PDB file of N, CA and C in Angstrom:
ATOM      1  N   MET A   1     159.552  33.723 101.658  1.00  0.00           N
ATOM      2  CA  MET A   1     159.127  32.933 102.802  1.00  0.00           C
ATOM      3  C   MET A   1     158.851  33.855 103.972  1.00  0.00           C
ATOM      4  N   SER A   2     157.946  33.430 104.801  1.00  0.00           N
ATOM      5  CA  SER A   2     157.661  34.227 105.983  1.00  0.00           C
ATOM      6  C   SER A   2     158.620  33.841 107.094  1.00  0.00           C
ATOM      7  N   SER A   3     158.544  34.585 108.173  1.00  0.00           N
ATOM      8  CA  SER A   3     159.446  34.318 109.289  1.00  0.00           C
ATOM      9  C   SER A   3     159.161  32.969 109.951  1.00  0.00           C
ATOM     10  N   THR A   4     157.992  32.383 109.696  1.00  0.00           N
ATOM     11  CA  THR A   4     157.662  31.084 110.281  1.00  0.00           C
ATOM     12  C   THR A   4     158.082  29.931 109.378  1.00  0.00           C
ATOM     13  N   GLY A   5     158.685  30.229 108.223  1.00  0.00           N
ATOM     14  CA  GLY A   5     159.170  29.187 107.337  1.00  0.00           C
ATOM     15  C   GLY A   5     158.223  28.855 106.195  1.00  0.00           C
ATOM     16  N   GLY A   6     156.972  29.248 106.282  1.00  0.00           N
ATOM     17  CA  GLY A   6     156.023  28.979 105.197  1.00  0.00           C
ATOM     18  C   GLY A   6     155.983  30.137 104.215  1.00  0.00           C
ATOM     19  N   THR A   7     155.191  29.987 103.219  1.00  0.00           N
ATOM     20  CA  THR A   7     155.029  31.091 102.278  1.00  0.00           C
ATOM     21  C   THR A   7     153.890  31.975 102.754  1.00  0.00           C
ATOM     22  N   ALA A   8     154.038  33.240 102.545  1.00  0.00           N
ATOM     23  CA  ALA A   8     153.006  34.190 102.955  1.00  0.00           C
ATOM     24  C   ALA A   8     151.834  34.098 101.990  1.00  0.00           C
ATOM     25  N   PRO A   9     150.615  34.171 102.503  1.00  0.00           N
ATOM     26  CA  PRO A   9     149.461  34.147 101.597  1.00  0.00           C
ATOM     27  C   PRO A   9     149.432  35.409 100.748  1.00  0.00           C
ATOM     28  N   GLU A  10     148.899  35.264  99.548  1.00  0.00           N
ATOM     29  CA  GLU A  10     148.779  36.432  98.678  1.00  0.00           C
ATOM     30  C   GLU A  10     147.685  37.342  99.219  1.00  0.00           C
ATOM     31  N   PRO A  11     147.905  38.642  99.152  1.00  0.00           N
ATOM     32  CA  PRO A  11     146.856  39.552  99.612  1.00  0.00           C
ATOM     33  C   PRO A  11     145.656  39.451  98.677  1.00  0.00           C
ATOM     34  N   PRO A  12     144.459  39.644  99.215  1.00  0.00           N
ATOM     35  CA  PRO A  12     143.280  39.575  98.344  1.00  0.00           C
ATOM     36  C   PRO A  12     143.322  40.696  97.314  1.00  0.00           C
ATOM     37  N   SER A  13     142.824  40.388  96.144  1.00  0.00           N
ATOM     38  CA  SER A  13     142.793  41.420  95.109  1.00  0.00           C
ATOM     39  C   SER A  13     141.620  42.350  95.382  1.00  0.00           C
ATOM     40  N   ALA A  14     141.736  43.547  94.897  1.00  0.00           N
ATOM     41  CA  ALA A  14     140.680  44.537  95.086  1.00  0.00           C
ATOM     42  C   ALA A  14     139.452  44.135  94.275  1.00  0.00           C
ATOM     43  N   PHE A  15     138.287  44.479  94.779  1.00  0.00           N
ATOM     44  CA  PHE A  15     137.057  44.182  94.055  1.00  0.00           C
ATOM     45  C   PHE A  15     137.018  45.015  92.784  1.00  0.00           C
ATOM     46  N   PRO A  16     136.635  44.432  91.652  1.00  0.00           N
ATOM     47  CA  PRO A  16     136.632  45.165  90.372  1.00  0.00           C
ATOM     48  C   PRO A  16     135.404  46.069  90.232  1.00  0.00           C
ATOM     49  N   TRP A  17     135.412  47.159  90.959  1.00  0.00           N
ATOM     50  CA  TRP A  17     134.244  48.042  90.972  1.00  0.00           C
ATOM     51  C   TRP A  17     133.890  48.585  89.601  1.00  0.00           C
ATOM     52  N   ASP A  18     134.876  48.998  88.824  1.00  0.00           N
ATOM     53  CA  ASP A  18     134.576  49.564  87.503  1.00  0.00           C
ATOM     54  C   ASP A  18     133.830  48.556  86.627  1.00  0.00           C
ATOM     55  N   GLU A  19     134.303  47.315  86.627  1.00  0.00           N
ATOM     56  CA  GLU A  19     133.655  46.284  85.828  1.00  0.00           C
ATOM     57  C   GLU A  19     132.266  45.944  86.370  1.00  0.00           C
ATOM     58  N   ALA A  20     132.136  45.887  87.687  1.00  0.00           N
ATOM     59  CA  ALA A  20     130.841  45.573  88.300  1.00  0.00           C
ATOM     60  C   ALA A  20     129.819  46.661  87.983  1.00  0.00           C
ATOM     61  N   LEU A  21     130.225  47.909  88.088  1.00  0.00           N
ATOM     62  CA  LEU A  21     129.311  49.011  87.774  1.00  0.00           C
ATOM     63  C   LEU A  21     128.937  49.014  86.300  1.00  0.00           C
ATOM     64  N   ALA A  22     129.912  48.770  85.427  1.00  0.00           N
ATOM     65  CA  ALA A  22     129.626  48.733  83.990  1.00  0.00           C
ATOM     66  C   ALA A  22     128.639  47.617  83.662  1.00  0.00           C
ATOM     67  N   LEU A  23     128.798  46.474  84.318  1.00  0.00           N
ATOM     68  CA  LEU A  23     127.883  45.362  84.079  1.00  0.00           C
ATOM     69  C   LEU A  23     126.497  45.675  84.632  1.00  0.00           C
ATOM     70  N   GLY A  24     126.430  46.013  85.903  1.00  0.00           N
ATOM     71  CA  GLY A  24     125.136  46.209  86.552  1.00  0.00           C
ATOM     72  C   GLY A  24     124.347  47.391  86.028  1.00  0.00           C
ATOM     73  N   LEU A  25     125.000  48.528  85.907  1.00  0.00           N
ATOM     74  CA  LEU A  25     124.288  49.736  85.498  1.00  0.00           C
ATOM     75  C   LEU A  25     124.247  49.906  83.983  1.00  0.00           C
ATOM     76  N   GLY A  26     125.289  49.426  83.302  1.00  0.00           N
ATOM     77  CA  GLY A  26     125.351  49.598  81.858  1.00  0.00           C
ATOM     78  C   GLY A  26     124.714  48.461  81.099  1.00  0.00           C
ATOM     79  N   ARG A  27     125.322  47.309  81.189  1.00  0.00           N
ATOM     80  CA  ARG A  27     124.875  46.181  80.374  1.00  0.00           C
ATOM     81  C   ARG A  27     123.539  45.606  80.838  1.00  0.00           C
ATOM     82  N   LEU A  28     123.362  45.448  82.133  1.00  0.00           N
ATOM     83  CA  LEU A  28     122.112  44.899  82.657  1.00  0.00           C
ATOM     84  C   LEU A  28     121.029  45.950  82.822  1.00  0.00           C
ATOM     85  N   ARG A  29     121.431  47.213  82.845  1.00  0.00           N
ATOM     86  CA  ARG A  29     120.509  48.350  82.999  1.00  0.00           C
ATOM     87  C   ARG A  29     119.707  48.285  84.296  1.00  0.00           C
ATOM     88  N   TRP A  30     120.392  47.803  85.355  1.00  0.00           N
ATOM     89  CA  TRP A  30     119.749  47.806  86.664  1.00  0.00           C
ATOM     90  C   TRP A  30     119.691  49.233  87.175  1.00  0.00           C
ATOM     91  N   ARG A  31     118.672  49.527  87.945  1.00  0.00           N
ATOM     92  CA  ARG A  31     118.619  50.813  88.630  1.00  0.00           C
ATOM     93  C   ARG A  31     119.687  50.798  89.730  1.00  0.00           C
ATOM     94  N   PRO A  32     120.260  51.951  90.061  1.00  0.00           N
ATOM     95  CA  PRO A  32     121.279  51.967  91.113  1.00  0.00           C
ATOM     96  C   PRO A  32     120.814  51.292  92.398  1.00  0.00           C
ATOM     97  N   ARG A  33     119.569  51.511  92.777  1.00  0.00           N
ATOM     98  CA  ARG A  33     119.035  50.881  93.990  1.00  0.00           C
ATOM     99  C   ARG A  33     119.160  49.361  93.909  1.00  0.00           C
ATOM    100  N   ASP A  34     118.824  48.796  92.742  1.00  0.00           N
ATOM    101  CA  ASP A  34     118.883  47.344  92.584  1.00  0.00           C
ATOM    102  C   ASP A  34     120.329  46.852  92.553  1.00  0.00           C
ATOM    103  N   PHE A  35     121.210  47.618  91.921  1.00  0.00           N
ATOM    104  CA  PHE A  35     122.623  47.236  91.885  1.00  0.00           C
ATOM    105  C   PHE A  35     123.198  47.160  93.291  1.00  0.00           C
ATOM    106  N   TRP A  36     122.962  48.168  94.096  1.00  0.00           N
ATOM    107  CA  TRP A  36     123.557  48.211  95.430  1.00  0.00           C
ATOM    108  C   TRP A  36     122.921  47.216  96.392  1.00  0.00           C
ATOM    109  N   ARG A  37     121.726  46.742  96.094  1.00  0.00           N
ATOM    110  CA  ARG A  37     121.091  45.716  96.928  1.00  0.00           C
ATOM    111  C   ARG A  37     121.523  44.300  96.538  1.00  0.00           C
ATOM    112  N   ALA A  38     122.092  44.141  95.354  1.00  0.00           N
ATOM    113  CA  ALA A  38     122.495  42.811  94.888  1.00  0.00           C
ATOM    114  C   ALA A  38     123.746  42.343  95.627  1.00  0.00           C
ATOM    115  N   THR A  39     123.817  41.055  95.823  1.00  0.00           N
ATOM    116  CA  THR A  39     125.018  40.472  96.415  1.00  0.00           C
ATOM    117  C   THR A  39     126.018  40.189  95.299  1.00  0.00           C
ATOM    118  N   PRO A  40     127.297  40.050  95.640  1.00  0.00           N
ATOM    119  CA  PRO A  40     128.265  39.682  94.595  1.00  0.00           C
ATOM    120  C   PRO A  40     127.866  38.390  93.873  1.00  0.00           C
ATOM    121  N   ARG A  41     127.302  37.441  94.593  1.00  0.00           N
ATOM    122  CA  ARG A  41     126.862  36.188  93.953  1.00  0.00           C
ATOM    123  C   ARG A  41     125.759  36.455  92.930  1.00  0.00           C
ATOM    124  N   GLU A  42     124.817  37.333  93.248  1.00  0.00           N
ATOM    125  CA  GLU A  42     123.745  37.669  92.298  1.00  0.00           C
ATOM    126  C   GLU A  42     124.307  38.386  91.076  1.00  0.00           C
ATOM    127  N   LEU A  43     125.255  39.266  91.300  1.00  0.00           N
ATOM    128  CA  LEU A  43     125.873  39.972  90.189  1.00  0.00           C
ATOM    129  C   LEU A  43     126.612  38.996  89.272  1.00  0.00           C
ATOM    130  N   MET A  44     127.334  38.043  89.840  1.00  0.00           N
ATOM    131  CA  MET A  44     128.064  37.073  89.033  1.00  0.00           C
ATOM    132  C   MET A  44     127.099  36.151  88.272  1.00  0.00           C
ATOM    133  N   ALA A  45     125.974  35.808  88.888  1.00  0.00           N
ATOM    134  CA  ALA A  45     124.977  34.987  88.187  1.00  0.00           C
ATOM    135  C   ALA A  45     124.399  35.754  87.008  1.00  0.00           C
ATOM    136  N   ALA A  46     124.130  37.035  87.210  1.00  0.00           N
ATOM    137  CA  ALA A  46     123.614  37.850  86.110  1.00  0.00           C
ATOM    138  C   ALA A  46     124.667  37.998  85.015  1.00  0.00           C
ATOM    139  N   ALA A  47     125.921  38.096  85.391  1.00  0.00           N
ATOM    140  CA  ALA A  47     126.996  38.211  84.402  1.00  0.00           C
ATOM    141  C   ALA A  47     127.064  36.953  83.548  1.00  0.00           C
ATOM    142  N   ALA A  48     126.825  35.798  84.151  1.00  0.00           N
ATOM    143  CA  ALA A  48     126.865  34.542  83.397  1.00  0.00           C
ATOM    144  C   ALA A  48     125.745  34.494  82.369  1.00  0.00           C
ATOM    145  N   LEU A  49     124.639  35.154  82.641  1.00  0.00           N
ATOM    146  CA  LEU A  49     123.515  35.160  81.703  1.00  0.00           C
ATOM    147  C   LEU A  49     123.740  36.097  80.534  1.00  0.00           C
ATOM    148  N   THR A  50     124.727  36.967  80.618  1.00  0.00           N
ATOM    149  CA  THR A  50     124.953  37.946  79.560  1.00  0.00           C
ATOM    150  C   THR A  50     126.121  37.564  78.665  1.00  0.00           C
ATOM    151  N   GLY A  51     126.534  36.302  78.731  1.00  0.00           N
ATOM    152  CA  GLY A  51     127.666  35.846  77.937  1.00  0.00           C
ATOM    153  C   GLY A  51     127.365  35.850  76.447  1.00  0.00           C
ATOM    154  N   PRO A  52     128.338  35.438  75.658  1.00  0.00           N
ATOM    155  CA  PRO A  52     128.143  35.434  74.207  1.00  0.00           C
ATOM    156  C   PRO A  52     127.030  34.476  73.800  1.00  0.00           C
ATOM    157  N   ARG A  53     126.339  34.853  72.771  1.00  0.00           N
ATOM    158  CA  ARG A  53     125.255  34.029  72.245  1.00  0.00           C
ATOM    159  C   ARG A  53     125.591  33.628  70.814  1.00  0.00           C
ATOM    160  N   ALA A  54     125.037  32.517  70.416  1.00  0.00           N
ATOM    161  CA  ALA A  54     125.271  32.055  69.046  1.00  0.00           C
ATOM    162  C   ALA A  54     124.585  32.992  68.060  1.00  0.00           C
ATOM    163  N   ALA A  55     125.204  33.167  66.920  1.00  0.00           N
ATOM    164  CA  ALA A  55     124.624  34.004  65.869  1.00  0.00           C
ATOM    165  C   ALA A  55     123.412  33.294  65.266  1.00  0.00           C
ATOM    166  N   LEU A  56     122.469  34.083  64.765  1.00  0.00           N
ATOM    167  CA  LEU A  56     121.311  33.514  64.098  1.00  0.00           C
ATOM    168  C   LEU A  56     121.729  32.922  62.761  1.00  0.00           C
ATOM    169  N   ASP A  57     121.157  31.771  62.426  1.00  0.00           N
ATOM    170  CA  ASP A  57     121.362  31.264  61.071  1.00  0.00           C
ATOM    171  C   ASP A  57     120.229  31.798  60.197  1.00  0.00           C
ATOM    172  N   GLY A  58     120.289  31.534  58.926  1.00  0.00           N
ATOM    173  CA  GLY A  58     119.299  32.072  57.984  1.00  0.00           C
ATOM    174  C   GLY A  58     117.877  31.668  58.311  1.00  0.00           C
ATOM    175  N   ALA A  59     117.674  30.409  58.686  1.00  0.00           N
ATOM    176  CA  ALA A  59     116.319  29.931  58.987  1.00  0.00           C
ATOM    177  C   ALA A  59     115.757  30.649  60.211  1.00  0.00           C
ATOM    178  N   ALA A  60     116.578  30.824  61.246  1.00  0.00           N
ATOM    179  CA  ALA A  60     116.101  31.510  62.452  1.00  0.00           C
ATOM    180  C   ALA A  60     115.786  32.970  62.148  1.00  0.00           C
ATOM    181  N   LEU A  61     116.602  33.608  61.314  1.00  0.00           N
ATOM    182  CA  LEU A  61     116.343  34.995  60.948  1.00  0.00           C
ATOM    183  C   LEU A  61     115.035  35.108  60.161  1.00  0.00           C
ATOM    184  N   ARG A  62     114.801  34.231  59.197  1.00  0.00           N
ATOM    185  CA  ARG A  62     113.549  34.260  58.421  1.00  0.00           C
ATOM    186  C   ARG A  62     112.348  34.021  59.329  1.00  0.00           C
ATOM    187  N   ASP A  63     112.499  33.142  60.312  1.00  0.00           N
ATOM    188  CA  ASP A  63     111.424  32.889  61.264  1.00  0.00           C
ATOM    189  C   ASP A  63     111.091  34.151  62.051  1.00  0.00           C
ATOM    190  N   LEU A  64     112.117  34.853  62.532  1.00  0.00           N
ATOM    191  CA  LEU A  64     111.877  36.100  63.274  1.00  0.00           C
ATOM    192  C   LEU A  64     111.218  37.153  62.393  1.00  0.00           C
ATOM    193  N   ILE A  65     111.676  37.275  61.160  1.00  0.00           N
ATOM    194  CA  ILE A  65     111.085  38.260  60.241  1.00  0.00           C
ATOM    195  C   ILE A  65     109.630  37.917  59.987  1.00  0.00           C
ATOM    196  N   GLY A  66     109.335  36.629  59.861  1.00  0.00           N
ATOM    197  CA  GLY A  66     107.938  36.203  59.650  1.00  0.00           C
ATOM    198  C   GLY A  66     107.063  36.490  60.859  1.00  0.00           C
ATOM    199  N   ARG A  67     107.604  36.303  62.050  1.00  0.00           N
ATOM    200  CA  ARG A  67     106.809  36.539  63.263  1.00  0.00           C
ATOM    201  C   ARG A  67     106.682  37.998  63.610  1.00  0.00           C
ATOM    202  N   TYR A  68     107.678  38.785  63.260  1.00  0.00           N
ATOM    203  CA  TYR A  68     107.682  40.214  63.613  1.00  0.00           C
ATOM    204  C   TYR A  68     107.998  41.062  62.381  1.00  0.00           C
ATOM    205  N   PRO A  69     107.080  41.107  61.426  1.00  0.00           N
ATOM    206  CA  PRO A  69     107.360  41.881  60.211  1.00  0.00           C
ATOM    207  C   PRO A  69     107.380  43.383  60.488  1.00  0.00           C
ATOM    208  N   ASP A  70     108.167  44.089  59.702  1.00  0.00           N
ATOM    209  CA  ASP A  70     108.182  45.553  59.791  1.00  0.00           C
ATOM    210  C   ASP A  70     106.851  46.099  59.289  1.00  0.00           C
ATOM    211  N   PRO A  71     106.292  47.083  59.989  1.00  0.00           N
ATOM    212  CA  PRO A  71     105.049  47.681  59.485  1.00  0.00           C
ATOM    213  C   PRO A  71     105.333  48.453  58.195  1.00  0.00           C
ATOM    214  N   THR A  72     104.368  48.396  57.290  1.00  0.00           N
ATOM    215  CA  THR A  72     104.543  49.125  56.027  1.00  0.00           C
ATOM    216  C   THR A  72     103.599  50.269  55.908  1.00  0.00           C
TER     217      THR A  72
END
């Protein structure tokens, strides 16, 4: 408890720079200039777009192979 009788607010956590840099520069392949110009909200929106994706089923895989065949 604080001296005023209430509970003290928790200190803000540090910004996760390592994770932000890994996402922006590594996974998203943004140029450093673009990373540093982005707002935290833009970075979080981009992170939401890079979430897990469903695996291809057999029909979808055959469709891709048909549309983009390997050159022989």
